[in-house]
Amino acid sequence: MRCIPEALDACPHLQHQAHVYTSPDYKPWGVKGIVVSPSRPPTLHDVPLTDCHTLEYTLARALIVHVSDLRPEMVQNDR
């Protein structure tokens, strides 16, 4: 929550309309990454953490998480 004012200052899109949600629970689901294969060109895919074989051939770029019980928070924008 303490980073919100800095984010609002840094991003013009957030200055027009920003919504903040918190979640008491999240679980890692997988990664978004470039999957390489000898038979195909590299492609961007969402790969679940349970797919160990594909993960071996994936250059992960971002972690994908599943969040639950989202709760809206009030943000005071004093600008």
N, C-alpha and C. Protein backbone atom coordinates (compact mmCIF):
# COMPACT_ATOMS: atom_id res chain seq x y z
N MET A 1 0.83 -1.20 0.00
CA MET A 1 0.00 0.00 0.00
C MET A 1 0.87 1.26 0.00
N ARG A 2 2.05 1.16 0.60
CA ARG A 2 2.88 2.37 0.67
C ARG A 2 3.50 2.74 -0.68
N CYS A 3 3.47 1.83 -1.64
CA CYS A 3 4.01 2.11 -2.98
C CYS A 3 2.99 2.79 -3.89
N ILE A 4 1.74 2.84 -3.49
CA ILE A 4 0.69 3.38 -4.36
C ILE A 4 0.95 4.83 -4.75
N PRO A 5 1.31 5.73 -3.82
CA PRO A 5 1.56 7.12 -4.25
C PRO A 5 2.68 7.22 -5.30
N GLU A 6 3.73 6.44 -5.15
CA GLU A 6 4.83 6.46 -6.12
C GLU A 6 4.36 5.94 -7.48
N ALA A 7 3.54 4.90 -7.48
CA ALA A 7 3.01 4.36 -8.73
C ALA A 7 2.11 5.39 -9.41
N LEU A 8 1.28 6.07 -8.65
CA LEU A 8 0.41 7.10 -9.23
C LEU A 8 1.22 8.24 -9.83
N ASP A 9 2.31 8.61 -9.18
CA ASP A 9 3.17 9.67 -9.71
C ASP A 9 3.88 9.24 -10.99
N ALA A 10 4.27 7.98 -11.05
CA ALA A 10 5.10 7.50 -12.16
C ALA A 10 4.30 7.13 -13.40
N CYS A 11 3.03 6.79 -13.26
CA CYS A 11 2.26 6.28 -14.39
C CYS A 11 1.06 7.18 -14.70
N PRO A 12 1.07 7.85 -15.85
CA PRO A 12 -0.05 8.73 -16.20
C PRO A 12 -1.38 8.00 -16.32
N HIS A 13 -1.35 6.74 -16.76
CA HIS A 13 -2.60 5.97 -16.91
C HIS A 13 -3.27 5.77 -15.55
N LEU A 14 -2.49 5.54 -14.53
CA LEU A 14 -3.06 5.34 -13.19
C LEU A 14 -3.63 6.63 -12.62
N GLN A 15 -3.14 7.77 -13.08
CA GLN A 15 -3.63 9.05 -12.57
C GLN A 15 -5.07 9.30 -13.00
N HIS A 16 -5.48 8.71 -14.13
CA HIS A 16 -6.85 8.88 -14.61
C HIS A 16 -7.82 7.96 -13.90
N GLN A 17 -7.41 6.71 -13.71
CA GLN A 17 -8.30 5.75 -13.08
C GLN A 17 -7.45 4.60 -12.52
N ALA A 18 -7.49 4.43 -11.21
CA ALA A 18 -6.74 3.36 -10.58
C ALA A 18 -7.64 2.62 -9.59
N HIS A 19 -7.51 1.32 -9.62
CA HIS A 19 -8.24 0.47 -8.68
C HIS A 19 -7.22 -0.42 -7.97
N VAL A 20 -7.39 -0.59 -6.69
CA VAL A 20 -6.47 -1.42 -5.91
C VAL A 20 -7.26 -2.53 -5.24
N TYR A 21 -6.74 -3.74 -5.39
CA TYR A 21 -7.33 -4.91 -4.74
C TYR A 21 -6.25 -5.62 -3.96
N THR A 22 -6.62 -6.18 -2.84
CA THR A 22 -5.71 -7.02 -2.08
C THR A 22 -6.27 -8.43 -2.04
N SER A 23 -5.39 -9.37 -1.76
CA SER A 23 -5.79 -10.76 -1.68
C SER A 23 -5.04 -11.43 -0.54
N PRO A 24 -5.75 -12.16 0.30
CA PRO A 24 -5.06 -12.86 1.38
C PRO A 24 -4.41 -14.16 0.93
N ASP A 25 -4.68 -14.58 -0.32
CA ASP A 25 -4.18 -15.87 -0.75
C ASP A 25 -3.81 -15.86 -2.22
N TYR A 26 -2.70 -16.47 -2.54
CA TYR A 26 -2.30 -16.68 -3.94
C TYR A 26 -1.49 -17.96 -4.01
N LYS A 27 -1.49 -18.55 -5.21
CA LYS A 27 -0.73 -19.78 -5.43
C LYS A 27 -0.03 -19.67 -6.78
N PRO A 28 1.26 -19.98 -6.84
CA PRO A 28 1.92 -20.01 -8.14
C PRO A 28 1.25 -21.06 -9.04
N TRP A 29 0.98 -20.68 -10.29
CA TRP A 29 0.32 -21.59 -11.23
C TRP A 29 1.29 -22.07 -12.31
N GLY A 30 2.09 -21.14 -12.83
CA GLY A 30 2.98 -21.50 -13.93
C GLY A 30 3.83 -20.32 -14.34
N VAL A 31 4.34 -20.39 -15.56
CA VAL A 31 5.15 -19.30 -16.09
C VAL A 31 4.70 -18.96 -17.50
N LYS A 32 4.92 -17.72 -17.87
CA LYS A 32 4.78 -17.30 -19.27
C LYS A 32 6.21 -17.27 -19.79
N GLY A 33 6.45 -18.02 -20.86
CA GLY A 33 7.82 -18.08 -21.33
C GLY A 33 7.92 -18.53 -22.77
N ILE A 34 9.14 -18.49 -23.26
CA ILE A 34 9.44 -18.90 -24.61
C ILE A 34 9.82 -20.38 -24.57
N VAL A 35 9.03 -21.19 -25.27
CA VAL A 35 9.27 -22.63 -25.33
C VAL A 35 10.05 -22.93 -26.60
N VAL A 36 11.19 -23.60 -26.43
CA VAL A 36 12.00 -23.97 -27.58
C VAL A 36 11.83 -25.46 -27.87
N SER A 37 11.86 -25.78 -29.16
CA SER A 37 11.68 -27.17 -29.59
C SER A 37 12.51 -27.37 -30.85
N PRO A 38 13.13 -28.55 -30.99
CA PRO A 38 13.92 -28.78 -32.21
C PRO A 38 13.06 -28.82 -33.48
N SER A 39 11.77 -29.11 -33.33
CA SER A 39 10.92 -29.27 -34.51
C SER A 39 10.11 -28.01 -34.86
N ARG A 40 10.10 -27.00 -33.97
CA ARG A 40 9.31 -25.79 -34.23
C ARG A 40 10.09 -24.55 -33.80
N PRO A 41 9.72 -23.39 -34.35
CA PRO A 41 10.37 -22.16 -33.89
C PRO A 41 9.95 -21.85 -32.45
N PRO A 42 10.76 -21.08 -31.71
CA PRO A 42 10.39 -20.72 -30.34
C PRO A 42 9.05 -19.97 -30.32
N THR A 43 8.21 -20.30 -29.35
CA THR A 43 6.90 -19.66 -29.22
C THR A 43 6.64 -19.29 -27.76
N LEU A 44 5.83 -18.28 -27.58
CA LEU A 44 5.46 -17.82 -26.24
C LEU A 44 4.24 -18.60 -25.76
N HIS A 45 4.34 -19.18 -24.57
CA HIS A 45 3.26 -19.99 -24.01
C HIS A 45 3.12 -19.76 -22.51
N ASP A 46 1.92 -20.06 -22.00
CA ASP A 46 1.71 -20.19 -20.57
C ASP A 46 1.91 -21.66 -20.24
N VAL A 47 2.84 -21.95 -19.35
CA VAL A 47 3.19 -23.33 -19.03
C VAL A 47 2.90 -23.59 -17.55
N PRO A 48 2.03 -24.55 -17.24
CA PRO A 48 1.76 -24.85 -15.83
C PRO A 48 2.99 -25.47 -15.16
N LEU A 49 3.14 -25.22 -13.86
CA LEU A 49 4.27 -25.77 -13.12
C LEU A 49 4.25 -27.29 -13.07
N THR A 50 3.09 -27.88 -13.33
CA THR A 50 2.98 -29.34 -13.31
C THR A 50 3.51 -29.98 -14.59
N ASP A 51 3.76 -29.19 -15.63
CA ASP A 51 4.25 -29.71 -16.90
C ASP A 51 5.79 -29.67 -16.91
N CYS A 52 6.38 -30.57 -16.16
CA CYS A 52 7.84 -30.58 -15.97
C CYS A 52 8.60 -30.73 -17.29
N HIS A 53 8.09 -31.53 -18.20
CA HIS A 53 8.79 -31.75 -19.47
C HIS A 53 8.89 -30.43 -20.26
N THR A 54 7.78 -29.72 -20.40
CA THR A 54 7.80 -28.46 -21.16
C THR A 54 8.60 -27.39 -20.43
N LEU A 55 8.55 -27.39 -19.09
CA LEU A 55 9.32 -26.41 -18.32
C LEU A 55 10.83 -26.53 -18.59
N GLU A 56 11.29 -27.73 -18.86
CA GLU A 56 12.71 -27.93 -19.15
C GLU A 56 13.15 -27.17 -20.39
N TYR A 57 12.22 -26.92 -21.30
CA TYR A 57 12.52 -26.25 -22.56
C TYR A 57 11.93 -24.85 -22.64
N THR A 58 11.70 -24.26 -21.47
CA THR A 58 11.06 -22.94 -21.40
C THR A 58 11.98 -21.91 -20.77
N LEU A 59 12.13 -20.78 -21.44
CA LEU A 59 12.81 -19.64 -20.86
C LEU A 59 11.72 -18.78 -20.24
N ALA A 60 11.57 -18.88 -18.92
CA ALA A 60 10.48 -18.19 -18.23
C ALA A 60 10.72 -16.68 -18.25
N ARG A 61 9.64 -15.93 -18.53
CA ARG A 61 9.70 -14.47 -18.55
C ARG A 61 8.87 -13.84 -17.44
N ALA A 62 7.85 -14.58 -16.95
CA ALA A 62 6.99 -14.04 -15.89
C ALA A 62 6.34 -15.20 -15.14
N LEU A 63 6.15 -15.00 -13.85
CA LEU A 63 5.45 -15.97 -13.03
C LEU A 63 3.95 -15.70 -13.12
N ILE A 64 3.16 -16.75 -13.26
CA ILE A 64 1.70 -16.63 -13.29
C ILE A 64 1.19 -17.17 -11.97
N VAL A 65 0.39 -16.36 -11.27
CA VAL A 65 -0.18 -16.79 -9.99
C VAL A 65 -1.70 -16.76 -10.06
N HIS A 66 -2.33 -17.61 -9.28
CA HIS A 66 -3.78 -17.63 -9.13
C HIS A 66 -4.08 -16.93 -7.81
N VAL A 67 -4.84 -15.84 -7.88
CA VAL A 67 -5.22 -15.12 -6.66
C VAL A 67 -6.69 -15.40 -6.37
N SER A 68 -7.02 -15.40 -5.10
CA SER A 68 -8.41 -15.64 -4.72
C SER A 68 -8.83 -14.65 -3.65
N ASP A 69 -10.13 -14.50 -3.53
CA ASP A 69 -10.73 -13.62 -2.52
C ASP A 69 -10.23 -12.18 -2.65
N LEU A 70 -10.34 -11.64 -3.88
CA LEU A 70 -9.92 -10.25 -4.10
C LEU A 70 -10.82 -9.30 -3.32
N ARG A 71 -10.19 -8.30 -2.71
CA ARG A 71 -10.92 -7.32 -1.91
C ARG A 71 -10.56 -5.91 -2.39
N PRO A 72 -11.57 -5.12 -2.77
CA PRO A 72 -11.26 -3.74 -3.19
C PRO A 72 -10.80 -2.90 -2.00
N GLU A 73 -9.83 -2.04 -2.28
CA GLU A 73 -9.30 -1.13 -1.26
C GLU A 73 -9.55 0.29 -1.71
N MET A 74 -9.84 1.15 -0.78
CA MET A 74 -10.02 2.57 -1.08
C MET A 74 -8.64 3.22 -1.14
N VAL A 75 -8.42 4.00 -2.21
CA VAL A 75 -7.17 4.70 -2.38
C VAL A 75 -7.47 6.18 -2.38
N GLN A 76 -6.75 6.90 -1.56
CA GLN A 76 -6.90 8.35 -1.49
C GLN A 76 -5.94 8.96 -2.49
N ASN A 77 -6.48 9.61 -3.52
CA ASN A 77 -5.66 10.28 -4.51
C ASN A 77 -5.72 11.78 -4.24
N ASP A 78 -4.67 12.31 -3.63
CA ASP A 78 -4.65 13.72 -3.22
C ASP A 78 -4.04 14.62 -4.28
N ARG A 79 -4.21 14.29 -5.52
CA ARG A 79 -3.61 15.12 -6.58
C ARG A 79 -4.66 15.99 -7.23
